Amino acid sequence: MASNKEKGMLRIVFMGTPDFAVQGLSRLVETGYTVVGVITAPDKPAGRGRKLNESAVKRYAVQMGLKVLQPTNLKDASFLEELKALKPNLQIVVAFRMLPKVVWELPEFGTFNLHASLLPQYRGAAPINWAIINGERETGVTTFFIDEKIDTGEIIQQKKTKIDPGEDAGSLHDRLMHLGADLILETVGAIESGAVRTKKQPQSKNLKQAPKIFKEDCKIDWSLPLDRLFNFIRGLSPYPAAWTDFSNGDESTTLKIFAVGKEYEQHQHKVGAFVVSKNHLKIAVKDGFLQLLEVQFPGKRKMEIKELLNGLKVHKDAHVL
């Protein structure tokens, strides 16, 4: 990439949508970089009233008086004209969508993406969730220059962090959000000073992917070993949330599970059976028990188990399936 040795000469366009992206944008603004435009998703109807919901990035950008573009089509001629009129010489992408070549090749100093994994591992839309689901002990964030494929461009910089044994996707998300903001500033500084030295992503046959997660992917398979169930549930907590079918006497419903403990123990219970004691509710699995700590029934708020047991009569044959 070209060098830019005069500080303050960067004209940055930032692209992102969710809360994860806001931290990086705010750090750029607070550090004094010139953000000439922010590109984010169009407003979408949400809730019962179908009111238009603005992205987290848009709310922050409007609050800071930044110019906002919300194209539905990134190849649209009028959008491309608006983008070029901003005269960006660097573009930064965090949790946005795939860019056409006409967009990512526009600025002089390139377009880089922040990805919440240690590339080339966990390319895709849900790297934080999958790292925990797969029981990883380490993850991190990567900046890389965008190319024609998804998450395959040359790596600029990386930062690593340990995954705590009981950590869920929500807490890891927040930690990586801050770590990623730090890395964005370091990457911009390197580009600004002409000190960038990229490296190609290593080739490997053992790459783990991080595809988008849908509701049907979140159903719990109770035949799995205890460790895998524990990782699966915390890897989907708090969003999109692991769930199961729940049978309690003559009633059947679904149950979202957000937090669990694990107990290794030999037992004679059927897999999926509920084991109830005072203030405790466990589910039997083949190599122990999952202790339920926080759950949610449809149309209800999240509840800790002690509160749930105060209002729920658990049938002797209650089970999940």
C-alpha atoms as a PDB file:
ATOM      1  CA  MET A   1       0.000   0.000   0.000  1.00  0.00           C
ATOM      2  CA  ALA A   2       1.051   3.599  -0.478  1.00  0.00           C
ATOM      3  CA  SER A   3       2.447   5.516   2.460  1.00  0.00           C
ATOM      4  CA  ASN A   4       0.978   8.636   4.025  1.00  0.00           C
ATOM      5  CA  LYS A   5       3.633  10.298   6.102  1.00  0.00           C
ATOM      6  CA  GLU A   6       1.820  13.583   6.791  1.00  0.00           C
ATOM      7  CA  LYS A   7      -0.264  13.222   9.940  1.00  0.00           C
ATOM      8  CA  GLY A   8      -3.821  14.412   9.615  1.00  0.00           C
ATOM      9  CA  MET A   9      -4.029  13.772   5.874  1.00  0.00           C
ATOM     10  CA  LEU A  10      -6.288  10.730   6.170  1.00  0.00           C
ATOM     11  CA  ARG A  11      -9.875  11.074   4.995  1.00  0.00           C
ATOM     12  CA  ILE A  12     -11.647   8.037   6.456  1.00  0.00           C
ATOM     13  CA  VAL A  13     -14.939   6.452   5.457  1.00  0.00           C
ATOM     14  CA  PHE A  14     -16.165   4.051   8.150  1.00  0.00           C
ATOM     15  CA  MET A  15     -18.569   1.192   7.369  1.00  0.00           C
ATOM     16  CA  GLY A  16     -20.429  -0.777  10.044  1.00  0.00           C
ATOM     17  CA  THR A  17     -23.793  -1.498  11.598  1.00  0.00           C
ATOM     18  CA  PRO A  18     -23.988  -3.046  15.132  1.00  0.00           C
ATOM     19  CA  ASP A  19     -22.712  -2.013  18.564  1.00  0.00           C
ATOM     20  CA  PHE A  20     -19.491  -3.939  17.945  1.00  0.00           C
ATOM     21  CA  ALA A  21     -18.584  -1.388  15.255  1.00  0.00           C
ATOM     22  CA  VAL A  22     -19.432   1.715  17.299  1.00  0.00           C
ATOM     23  CA  GLN A  23     -16.453   1.356  19.621  1.00  0.00           C
ATOM     24  CA  GLY A  24     -13.974   1.524  16.735  1.00  0.00           C
ATOM     25  CA  LEU A  25     -15.722   4.513  15.160  1.00  0.00           C
ATOM     26  CA  SER A  26     -15.879   6.406  18.441  1.00  0.00           C
ATOM     27  CA  ARG A  27     -12.176   5.813  19.103  1.00  0.00           C
ATOM     28  CA  LEU A  28     -11.313   7.234  15.676  1.00  0.00           C
ATOM     29  CA  VAL A  29     -13.435  10.323  16.324  1.00  0.00           C
ATOM     30  CA  GLU A  30     -12.119  10.834  19.869  1.00  0.00           C
ATOM     31  CA  THR A  31      -8.528  10.464  18.671  1.00  0.00           C
ATOM     32  CA  GLY A  32      -9.054  13.279  16.184  1.00  0.00           C
ATOM     33  CA  TYR A  33      -9.084  11.437  12.876  1.00  0.00           C
ATOM     34  CA  THR A  34     -11.128  12.940  10.049  1.00  0.00           C
ATOM     35  CA  VAL A  35     -14.110  10.701   9.358  1.00  0.00           C
ATOM     36  CA  VAL A  36     -15.642  12.147   6.197  1.00  0.00           C
ATOM     37  CA  GLY A  37     -18.505   9.667   6.031  1.00  0.00           C
ATOM     38  CA  VAL A  38     -20.192   6.716   7.701  1.00  0.00           C
ATOM     39  CA  ILE A  39     -21.908   3.968   5.715  1.00  0.00           C
ATOM     40  CA  THR A  40     -24.397   1.766   7.522  1.00  0.00           C
ATOM     41  CA  ALA A  41     -27.458  -0.386   6.924  1.00  0.00           C
ATOM     42  CA  PRO A  42     -30.799   1.190   5.936  1.00  0.00           C
ATOM     43  CA  ASP A  43     -33.310   1.714   8.742  1.00  0.00           C
ATOM     44  CA  LYS A  44     -35.559  -1.316   9.257  1.00  0.00           C
ATOM     45  CA  PRO A  45     -39.067  -1.657  10.751  1.00  0.00           C
ATOM     46  CA  ALA A  46     -38.954  -3.378  14.131  1.00  0.00           C
ATOM     47  CA  GLY A  47     -41.258  -4.200  17.034  1.00  0.00           C
ATOM     48  CA  ARG A  48     -45.026  -4.343  17.178  1.00  0.00           C
ATOM     49  CA  GLY A  49     -45.401  -0.767  15.994  1.00  0.00           C
ATOM     50  CA  ARG A  50     -43.071  -1.445  13.058  1.00  0.00           C
ATOM     51  CA  LYS A  51     -41.207   1.775  13.813  1.00  0.00           C
ATOM     52  CA  LEU A  52     -38.030   2.313  11.825  1.00  0.00           C
ATOM     53  CA  ASN A  53     -35.029   1.110  13.782  1.00  0.00           C
ATOM     54  CA  GLU A  54     -31.690   2.849  13.220  1.00  0.00           C
ATOM     55  CA  SER A  55     -28.421   0.944  13.459  1.00  0.00           C
ATOM     56  CA  ALA A  56     -26.170   1.541  16.451  1.00  0.00           C
ATOM     57  CA  VAL A  57     -23.554   3.017  14.123  1.00  0.00           C
ATOM     58  CA  LYS A  58     -26.065   5.460  12.637  1.00  0.00           C
ATOM     59  CA  ARG A  59     -27.226   6.632  16.063  1.00  0.00           C
ATOM     60  CA  TYR A  60     -23.649   7.389  17.094  1.00  0.00           C
ATOM     61  CA  ALA A  61     -22.758   9.027  13.770  1.00  0.00           C
ATOM     62  CA  VAL A  62     -25.812  11.317  13.865  1.00  0.00           C
ATOM     63  CA  GLN A  63     -25.046  12.243  17.462  1.00  0.00           C
ATOM     64  CA  MET A  64     -21.521  13.259  16.422  1.00  0.00           C
ATOM     65  CA  GLY A  65     -22.682  15.168  13.351  1.00  0.00           C
ATOM     66  CA  LEU A  66     -21.040  12.797  10.860  1.00  0.00           C
ATOM     67  CA  LYS A  67     -22.330  12.394   7.312  1.00  0.00           C
ATOM     68  CA  VAL A  68     -24.291   9.139   7.002  1.00  0.00           C
ATOM     69  CA  LEU A  69     -25.011   7.123   3.855  1.00  0.00           C
ATOM     70  CA  GLN A  70     -27.432   4.159   3.925  1.00  0.00           C
ATOM     71  CA  PRO A  71     -27.365   2.495   0.513  1.00  0.00           C
ATOM     72  CA  THR A  72     -29.501  -0.523  -0.251  1.00  0.00           C
ATOM     73  CA  ASN A  73     -27.297  -1.350  -3.244  1.00  0.00           C
ATOM     74  CA  LEU A  74     -23.547  -0.797  -2.956  1.00  0.00           C
ATOM     75  CA  LYS A  75     -23.197  -0.833  -6.753  1.00  0.00           C
ATOM     76  CA  ASP A  76     -25.835   1.849  -7.296  1.00  0.00           C
ATOM     77  CA  ALA A  77     -24.460   4.705  -9.418  1.00  0.00           C
ATOM     78  CA  SER A  78     -25.854   7.477  -7.209  1.00  0.00           C
ATOM     79  CA  PHE A  79     -24.303   5.915  -4.093  1.00  0.00           C
ATOM     80  CA  LEU A  80     -20.940   5.520  -5.816  1.00  0.00           C
ATOM     81  CA  GLU A  81     -21.065   9.179  -6.827  1.00  0.00           C
ATOM     82  CA  GLU A  82     -21.762  10.210  -3.226  1.00  0.00           C
ATOM     83  CA  LEU A  83     -18.951   7.990  -1.973  1.00  0.00           C
ATOM     84  CA  LYS A  84     -16.433   9.362  -4.462  1.00  0.00           C
ATOM     85  CA  ALA A  85     -17.483  12.923  -3.611  1.00  0.00           C
ATOM     86  CA  LEU A  86     -16.291  12.304  -0.035  1.00  0.00           C
ATOM     87  CA  LYS A  87     -12.772  11.787  -1.456  1.00  0.00           C
ATOM     88  CA  PRO A  88     -11.815   9.058   1.026  1.00  0.00           C
ATOM     89  CA  ASN A  89      -8.231   7.818   0.986  1.00  0.00           C
ATOM     90  CA  LEU A  90      -8.869   5.069   3.582  1.00  0.00           C
ATOM     91  CA  GLN A  91     -11.934   2.936   4.328  1.00  0.00           C
ATOM     92  CA  ILE A  92     -12.487   0.883   7.471  1.00  0.00           C
ATOM     93  CA  VAL A  93     -15.065  -1.907   7.691  1.00  0.00           C
ATOM     94  CA  VAL A  94     -16.364  -3.448  10.925  1.00  0.00           C
ATOM     95  CA  ALA A  95     -19.319  -5.877  10.946  1.00  0.00           C
ATOM     96  CA  PHE A  96     -20.822  -4.681   7.674  1.00  0.00           C
ATOM     97  CA  ARG A  97     -21.506  -6.609   4.496  1.00  0.00           C
ATOM     98  CA  MET A  98     -19.449  -7.824   1.563  1.00  0.00           C
ATOM     99  CA  LEU A  99     -18.216  -4.921  -0.574  1.00  0.00           C
ATOM    100  CA  PRO A 100     -18.038  -4.892  -4.366  1.00  0.00           C
ATOM    101  CA  LYS A 101     -14.602  -4.300  -5.846  1.00  0.00           C
ATOM    102  CA  VAL A 102     -15.618  -0.869  -7.130  1.00  0.00           C
ATOM    103  CA  VAL A 103     -16.035   0.193  -3.486  1.00  0.00           C
ATOM    104  CA  TRP A 104     -13.110  -1.460  -1.702  1.00  0.00           C
ATOM    105  CA  GLU A 105     -10.526  -0.517  -4.333  1.00  0.00           C
ATOM    106  CA  LEU A 106     -11.546   3.164  -4.340  1.00  0.00           C
ATOM    107  CA  PRO A 107      -9.291   4.741  -1.668  1.00  0.00           C
ATOM    108  CA  GLU A 108      -5.570   5.338  -2.162  1.00  0.00           C
ATOM    109  CA  PHE A 109      -4.567   3.580   1.059  1.00  0.00           C
ATOM    110  CA  GLY A 110      -6.996   0.718   0.670  1.00  0.00           C
ATOM    111  CA  THR A 111      -9.934  -0.680   2.629  1.00  0.00           C
ATOM    112  CA  PHE A 112      -9.291  -2.743   5.719  1.00  0.00           C
ATOM    113  CA  ASN A 113     -11.625  -4.886   7.773  1.00  0.00           C
ATOM    114  CA  LEU A 114     -11.611  -5.708  11.477  1.00  0.00           C
ATOM    115  CA  HIS A 115     -12.521  -9.373  12.045  1.00  0.00           C
ATOM    116  CA  ALA A 116     -13.196 -10.928  15.455  1.00  0.00           C
ATOM    117  CA  SER A 117     -10.933 -13.966  15.103  1.00  0.00           C
ATOM    118  CA  LEU A 118      -7.319 -14.879  14.483  1.00  0.00           C
ATOM    119  CA  LEU A 119      -7.494 -15.303  10.725  1.00  0.00           C
ATOM    120  CA  PRO A 120      -7.365 -17.531   8.779  1.00  0.00           C
ATOM    121  CA  GLN A 121      -9.360 -19.380  11.460  1.00  0.00           C
ATOM    122  CA  TYR A 122     -13.075 -18.625  11.775  1.00  0.00           C
ATOM    123  CA  ARG A 123     -13.799 -16.777   8.573  1.00  0.00           C
ATOM    124  CA  GLY A 124     -17.463 -15.883   8.390  1.00  0.00           C
ATOM    125  CA  ALA A 125     -20.296 -14.043  10.105  1.00  0.00           C
ATOM    126  CA  ALA A 126     -20.187 -15.500  13.646  1.00  0.00           C
ATOM    127  CA  PRO A 127     -16.560 -15.991  14.758  1.00  0.00           C
ATOM    128  CA  ILE A 128     -17.175 -15.151  18.419  1.00  0.00           C
ATOM    129  CA  ASN A 129     -19.965 -17.708  18.800  1.00  0.00           C
ATOM    130  CA  TRP A 130     -18.135 -20.495  17.003  1.00  0.00           C
ATOM    131  CA  ALA A 131     -14.888 -20.041  18.915  1.00  0.00           C
ATOM    132  CA  ILE A 132     -16.724 -20.738  22.177  1.00  0.00           C
ATOM    133  CA  ILE A 133     -18.948 -23.485  20.727  1.00  0.00           C
ATOM    134  CA  ASN A 134     -15.803 -25.279  19.570  1.00  0.00           C
ATOM    135  CA  GLY A 135     -14.152 -24.959  22.974  1.00  0.00           C
ATOM    136  CA  GLU A 136     -11.280 -22.709  21.902  1.00  0.00           C
ATOM    137  CA  ARG A 137      -9.040 -21.371  24.650  1.00  0.00           C
ATOM    138  CA  GLU A 138      -7.701 -18.439  22.636  1.00  0.00           C
ATOM    139  CA  THR A 139      -9.045 -16.021  20.054  1.00  0.00           C
ATOM    140  CA  GLY A 140      -8.430 -12.438  19.037  1.00  0.00           C
ATOM    141  CA  VAL A 141      -8.950  -9.774  16.393  1.00  0.00           C
ATOM    142  CA  THR A 142      -7.397  -9.248  12.974  1.00  0.00           C
ATOM    143  CA  THR A 143      -7.140  -6.321  10.586  1.00  0.00           C
ATOM    144  CA  PHE A 144      -6.682  -7.185   6.919  1.00  0.00           C
ATOM    145  CA  PHE A 145      -6.975  -5.496   3.542  1.00  0.00           C
ATOM    146  CA  ILE A 146     -10.154  -6.551   1.747  1.00  0.00           C
ATOM    147  CA  ASP A 147      -9.930  -8.526  -1.505  1.00  0.00           C
ATOM    148  CA  GLU A 148     -12.404 -10.364  -3.754  1.00  0.00           C
ATOM    149  CA  LYS A 149     -13.245 -13.143  -1.298  1.00  0.00           C
ATOM    150  CA  ILE A 150     -14.635 -13.166   2.243  1.00  0.00           C
ATOM    151  CA  ASP A 151     -12.059 -12.666   5.036  1.00  0.00           C
ATOM    152  CA  THR A 152      -9.128 -13.805   2.876  1.00  0.00           C
ATOM    153  CA  GLY A 153      -7.116 -10.602   2.370  1.00  0.00           C
ATOM    154  CA  GLU A 154      -3.569  -9.938   3.525  1.00  0.00           C
ATOM    155  CA  ILE A 155      -3.230  -9.580   7.305  1.00  0.00           C
ATOM    156  CA  ILE A 156      -2.076  -6.232   8.678  1.00  0.00           C
ATOM    157  CA  GLN A 157      -2.069  -6.844  12.433  1.00  0.00           C
ATOM    158  CA  GLN A 158      -3.510  -9.185  15.089  1.00  0.00           C
ATOM    159  CA  LYS A 159      -4.133  -9.131  18.836  1.00  0.00           C
ATOM    160  CA  LYS A 160      -4.707 -12.285  20.902  1.00  0.00           C
ATOM    161  CA  THR A 161      -6.694 -12.910  24.075  1.00  0.00           C
ATOM    162  CA  LYS A 162      -7.531 -15.936  26.235  1.00  0.00           C
ATOM    163  CA  ILE A 163     -11.086 -17.238  26.432  1.00  0.00           C
ATOM    164  CA  ASP A 164     -12.052 -17.732  30.066  1.00  0.00           C
ATOM    165  CA  PRO A 165     -13.378 -21.250  30.886  1.00  0.00           C
ATOM    166  CA  GLY A 166     -16.900 -20.085  31.783  1.00  0.00           C
ATOM    167  CA  GLU A 167     -17.105 -17.086  29.450  1.00  0.00           C
ATOM    168  CA  ASP A 168     -20.095 -16.675  27.176  1.00  0.00           C
ATOM    169  CA  ALA A 169     -20.352 -15.063  23.754  1.00  0.00           C
ATOM    170  CA  GLY A 170     -21.680 -11.821  25.232  1.00  0.00           C
ATOM    171  CA  SER A 171     -18.734 -11.143  27.504  1.00  0.00           C
ATOM    172  CA  LEU A 172     -16.224 -12.212  24.839  1.00  0.00           C
ATOM    173  CA  HIS A 173     -17.986  -9.927  22.337  1.00  0.00           C
ATOM    174  CA  ASP A 174     -17.508  -6.956  24.655  1.00  0.00           C
ATOM    175  CA  ARG A 175     -13.848  -7.722  25.285  1.00  0.00           C
ATOM    176  CA  LEU A 176     -13.111  -8.165  21.579  1.00  0.00           C
ATOM    177  CA  MET A 177     -15.011  -4.959  20.816  1.00  0.00           C
ATOM    178  CA  HIS A 178     -12.541  -2.970  22.925  1.00  0.00           C
ATOM    179  CA  LEU A 179      -9.532  -4.984  21.761  1.00  0.00           C
ATOM    180  CA  GLY A 180     -10.646  -4.418  18.176  1.00  0.00           C
ATOM    181  CA  ALA A 181     -10.941  -0.662  18.681  1.00  0.00           C
ATOM    182  CA  ASP A 182      -7.348  -0.633  19.943  1.00  0.00           C
ATOM    183  CA  LEU A 183      -6.244  -2.585  16.889  1.00  0.00           C
ATOM    184  CA  ILE A 184      -8.066  -0.223  14.517  1.00  0.00           C
ATOM    185  CA  LEU A 185      -6.125   2.726  15.942  1.00  0.00           C
ATOM    186  CA  GLU A 186      -2.820   0.840  15.705  1.00  0.00           C
ATOM    187  CA  THR A 187      -3.576  -0.155  12.117  1.00  0.00           C
ATOM    188  CA  VAL A 188      -4.552   3.370  11.097  1.00  0.00           C
ATOM    189  CA  GLY A 189      -1.378   4.668  12.742  1.00  0.00           C
ATOM    190  CA  ALA A 190       0.725   2.199  10.779  1.00  0.00           C
ATOM    191  CA  ILE A 191      -0.966   3.155   7.510  1.00  0.00           C
ATOM    192  CA  GLU A 192      -0.560   6.820   8.333  1.00  0.00           C
ATOM    193  CA  SER A 193       3.167   6.470   8.933  1.00  0.00           C
ATOM    194  CA  GLY A 194       3.794   4.132   6.003  1.00  0.00           C
ATOM    195  CA  ALA A 195       4.875   1.338   8.339  1.00  0.00           C
ATOM    196  CA  VAL A 196       2.434  -1.346   7.174  1.00  0.00           C
ATOM    197  CA  ARG A 197       3.937  -4.739   6.394  1.00  0.00           C
ATOM    198  CA  THR A 198       1.214  -7.195   5.419  1.00  0.00           C
ATOM    199  CA  LYS A 199       1.400 -10.968   5.252  1.00  0.00           C
ATOM    200  CA  LYS A 200      -0.644 -13.444   3.264  1.00  0.00           C
ATOM    201  CA  GLN A 201      -2.989 -15.643   5.234  1.00  0.00           C
ATOM    202  CA  PRO A 202      -1.368 -19.054   5.756  1.00  0.00           C
ATOM    203  CA  GLN A 203      -2.799 -21.961   3.795  1.00  0.00           C
ATOM    204  CA  SER A 204      -4.222 -24.790   5.891  1.00  0.00           C
ATOM    205  CA  LYS A 205      -6.466 -27.801   5.401  1.00  0.00           C
ATOM    206  CA  ASN A 206      -7.689 -27.551   8.995  1.00  0.00           C
ATOM    207  CA  LEU A 207      -9.512 -24.234   8.874  1.00  0.00           C
ATOM    208  CA  LYS A 208     -12.552 -23.821  11.121  1.00  0.00           C
ATOM    209  CA  GLN A 209     -15.360 -21.750   9.652  1.00  0.00           C
ATOM    210  CA  ALA A 210     -17.802 -19.343  11.323  1.00  0.00           C
ATOM    211  CA  PRO A 211     -20.984 -19.325   9.226  1.00  0.00           C
ATOM    212  CA  LYS A 212     -24.036 -17.312  10.144  1.00  0.00           C
ATOM    213  CA  ILE A 213     -26.140 -18.991  12.845  1.00  0.00           C
ATOM    214  CA  PHE A 214     -29.868 -19.507  12.318  1.00  0.00           C
ATOM    215  CA  LYS A 215     -32.584 -20.440  14.824  1.00  0.00           C
ATOM    216  CA  GLU A 216     -32.611 -24.082  13.776  1.00  0.00           C
ATOM    217  CA  ASP A 217     -28.869 -24.272  14.428  1.00  0.00           C
ATOM    218  CA  CYS A 218     -29.465 -23.284  18.058  1.00  0.00           C
ATOM    219  CA  LYS A 219     -31.540 -26.308  19.088  1.00  0.00           C
ATOM    220  CA  ILE A 220     -29.710 -28.325  21.734  1.00  0.00           C
ATOM    221  CA  ASP A 221     -28.752 -31.912  20.902  1.00  0.00           C
ATOM    222  CA  TRP A 222     -28.931 -33.632  24.286  1.00  0.00           C
ATOM    223  CA  SER A 223     -26.994 -36.667  23.042  1.00  0.00           C
ATOM    224  CA  LEU A 224     -23.786 -34.612  23.039  1.00  0.00           C
ATOM    225  CA  PRO A 225     -21.187 -34.965  25.820  1.00  0.00           C
ATOM    226  CA  LEU A 226     -21.383 -32.598  28.780  1.00  0.00           C
ATOM    227  CA  ASP A 227     -18.457 -30.408  27.708  1.00  0.00           C
ATOM    228  CA  ARG A 228     -19.862 -29.878  24.233  1.00  0.00           C
ATOM    229  CA  LEU A 229     -23.288 -28.990  25.612  1.00  0.00           C
ATOM    230  CA  PHE A 230     -21.704 -26.537  28.048  1.00  0.00           C
ATOM    231  CA  ASN A 231     -19.733 -24.881  25.234  1.00  0.00           C
ATOM    232  CA  PHE A 232     -22.727 -24.841  22.882  1.00  0.00           C
ATOM    233  CA  ILE A 233     -24.985 -23.039  25.342  1.00  0.00           C
ATOM    234  CA  ARG A 234     -22.479 -20.401  26.407  1.00  0.00           C
ATOM    235  CA  GLY A 235     -21.392 -19.922  22.780  1.00  0.00           C
ATOM    236  CA  LEU A 236     -24.955 -18.867  21.919  1.00  0.00           C
ATOM    237  CA  SER A 237     -25.556 -16.733  25.010  1.00  0.00           C
ATOM    238  CA  PRO A 238     -27.063 -14.182  25.130  1.00  0.00           C
ATOM    239  CA  TYR A 239     -27.722 -14.177  21.394  1.00  0.00           C
ATOM    240  CA  PRO A 240     -29.108 -15.928  19.437  1.00  0.00           C
ATOM    241  CA  ALA A 241     -29.647 -18.287  22.436  1.00  0.00           C
ATOM    242  CA  ALA A 242     -29.663 -22.068  22.673  1.00  0.00           C
ATOM    243  CA  TRP A 243     -33.128 -23.594  22.988  1.00  0.00           C
ATOM    244  CA  THR A 244     -34.841 -26.909  23.553  1.00  0.00           C
ATOM    245  CA  ASP A 245     -38.284 -28.463  23.512  1.00  0.00           C
ATOM    246  CA  PHE A 246     -39.549 -28.927  27.069  1.00  0.00           C
ATOM    247  CA  SER A 247     -42.218 -31.384  28.219  1.00  0.00           C
ATOM    248  CA  ASN A 248     -43.714 -30.919  31.679  1.00  0.00           C
ATOM    249  CA  GLY A 249     -46.635 -33.256  32.319  1.00  0.00           C
ATOM    250  CA  ASP A 250     -49.354 -32.423  29.804  1.00  0.00           C
ATOM    251  CA  GLU A 251     -47.681 -29.165  28.782  1.00  0.00           C
ATOM    252  CA  SER A 252     -45.093 -28.739  26.054  1.00  0.00           C
ATOM    253  CA  THR A 253     -43.227 -25.576  25.164  1.00  0.00           C
ATOM    254  CA  THR A 254     -39.779 -24.352  24.248  1.00  0.00           C
ATOM    255  CA  LEU A 255     -37.135 -23.147  26.655  1.00  0.00           C
ATOM    256  CA  LYS A 256     -34.155 -20.874  26.000  1.00  0.00           C
ATOM    257  CA  ILE A 257     -31.111 -21.580  28.136  1.00  0.00           C
ATOM    258  CA  PHE A 258     -28.591 -18.797  28.760  1.00  0.00           C
ATOM    259  CA  ALA A 259     -26.380 -19.953  31.612  1.00  0.00           C
ATOM    260  CA  VAL A 260     -25.448 -23.386  32.944  1.00  0.00           C
ATOM    261  CA  GLY A 261     -23.022 -25.120  35.248  1.00  0.00           C
ATOM    262  CA  LYS A 262     -21.662 -28.625  34.726  1.00  0.00           C
ATOM    263  CA  GLU A 263     -21.282 -31.617  37.013  1.00  0.00           C
ATOM    264  CA  TYR A 264     -19.411 -34.761  35.969  1.00  0.00           C
ATOM    265  CA  GLU A 265     -21.168 -37.723  37.594  1.00  0.00           C
ATOM    266  CA  GLN A 266     -22.279 -41.229  36.773  1.00  0.00           C
ATOM    267  CA  HIS A 267     -26.036 -41.655  37.152  1.00  0.00           C
ATOM    268  CA  GLN A 268     -29.000 -43.795  36.155  1.00  0.00           C
ATOM    269  CA  HIS A 269     -31.259 -41.005  34.865  1.00  0.00           C
ATOM    270  CA  LYS A 270     -32.484 -40.873  31.284  1.00  0.00           C
ATOM    271  CA  VAL A 271     -30.744 -38.315  29.099  1.00  0.00           C
ATOM    272  CA  GLY A 272     -32.857 -35.159  29.167  1.00  0.00           C
ATOM    273  CA  ALA A 273     -34.576 -35.905  32.484  1.00  0.00           C
ATOM    274  CA  PHE A 274     -35.031 -33.087  35.007  1.00  0.00           C
ATOM    275  CA  VAL A 275     -33.546 -33.548  38.479  1.00  0.00           C
ATOM    276  CA  VAL A 276     -34.978 -31.090  40.992  1.00  0.00           C
ATOM    277  CA  SER A 277     -33.749 -30.183  44.456  1.00  0.00           C
ATOM    278  CA  LYS A 278     -34.257 -27.099  46.587  1.00  0.00           C
ATOM    279  CA  ASN A 279     -33.341 -24.059  44.462  1.00  0.00           C
ATOM    280  CA  HIS A 280     -31.579 -26.263  41.904  1.00  0.00           C
ATOM    281  CA  LEU A 281     -32.655 -27.732  38.572  1.00  0.00           C
ATOM    282  CA  LYS A 282     -30.426 -30.078  36.596  1.00  0.00           C
ATOM    283  CA  ILE A 283     -30.715 -31.894  33.281  1.00  0.00           C
ATOM    284  CA  ALA A 284     -29.236 -35.372  33.007  1.00  0.00           C
ATOM    285  CA  VAL A 285     -26.816 -35.945  30.144  1.00  0.00           C
ATOM    286  CA  LYS A 286     -24.787 -39.046  29.387  1.00  0.00           C
ATOM    287  CA  ASP A 287     -21.690 -38.114  31.395  1.00  0.00           C
ATOM    288  CA  GLY A 288     -23.162 -35.894  34.115  1.00  0.00           C
ATOM    289  CA  PHE A 289     -25.578 -33.033  34.656  1.00  0.00           C
ATOM    290  CA  LEU A 290     -26.091 -29.555  33.283  1.00  0.00           C
ATOM    291  CA  GLN A 291     -27.190 -27.273  36.089  1.00  0.00           C
ATOM    292  CA  LEU A 292     -29.606 -24.638  34.780  1.00  0.00           C
ATOM    293  CA  LEU A 293     -28.790 -21.133  36.015  1.00  0.00           C
ATOM    294  CA  GLU A 294     -30.713 -18.760  33.737  1.00  0.00           C
ATOM    295  CA  VAL A 295     -33.565 -19.575  31.351  1.00  0.00           C
ATOM    296  CA  GLN A 296     -36.487 -18.003  29.512  1.00  0.00           C
ATOM    297  CA  PHE A 297     -39.911 -19.279  28.486  1.00  0.00           C
ATOM    298  CA  PRO A 298     -41.692 -17.840  25.410  1.00  0.00           C
ATOM    299  CA  GLY A 299     -43.197 -14.425  26.124  1.00  0.00           C
ATOM    300  CA  LYS A 300     -41.513 -14.234  29.527  1.00  0.00           C
ATOM    301  CA  ARG A 301     -38.412 -12.459  30.764  1.00  0.00           C
ATOM    302  CA  LYS A 302     -35.173 -14.207  31.647  1.00  0.00           C
ATOM    303  CA  MET A 303     -35.230 -15.827  35.080  1.00  0.00           C
ATOM    304  CA  GLU A 304     -32.724 -17.311  37.435  1.00  0.00           C
ATOM    305  CA  ILE A 305     -33.590 -20.863  38.472  1.00  0.00           C
ATOM    306  CA  LYS A 306     -34.491 -20.052  42.083  1.00  0.00           C
ATOM    307  CA  GLU A 307     -37.122 -17.602  40.829  1.00  0.00           C
ATOM    308  CA  LEU A 308     -38.357 -20.056  38.204  1.00  0.00           C
ATOM    309  CA  LEU A 309     -38.849 -22.846  40.726  1.00  0.00           C
ATOM    310  CA  ASN A 310     -40.932 -20.543  42.922  1.00  0.00           C
ATOM    311  CA  GLY A 311     -43.564 -20.370  40.186  1.00  0.00           C
ATOM    312  CA  LEU A 312     -43.132 -23.613  38.256  1.00  0.00           C
ATOM    313  CA  LYS A 313     -44.327 -27.034  39.347  1.00  0.00           C
ATOM    314  CA  VAL A 314     -41.971 -29.547  37.776  1.00  0.00           C
ATOM    315  CA  HIS A 315     -43.680 -32.821  36.891  1.00  0.00           C
ATOM    316  CA  LYS A 316     -41.883 -36.006  37.931  1.00  0.00           C
ATOM    317  CA  ASP A 317     -41.486 -36.963  34.262  1.00  0.00           C
ATOM    318  CA  ALA A 318     -40.439 -33.514  33.062  1.00  0.00           C
ATOM    319  CA  HIS A 319     -37.752 -33.654  30.417  1.00  0.00           C
ATOM    320  CA  VAL A 320     -36.154 -31.879  27.477  1.00  0.00           C
ATOM    321  CA  LEU A 321     -35.939 -33.342  24.000  1.00  0.00           C
END
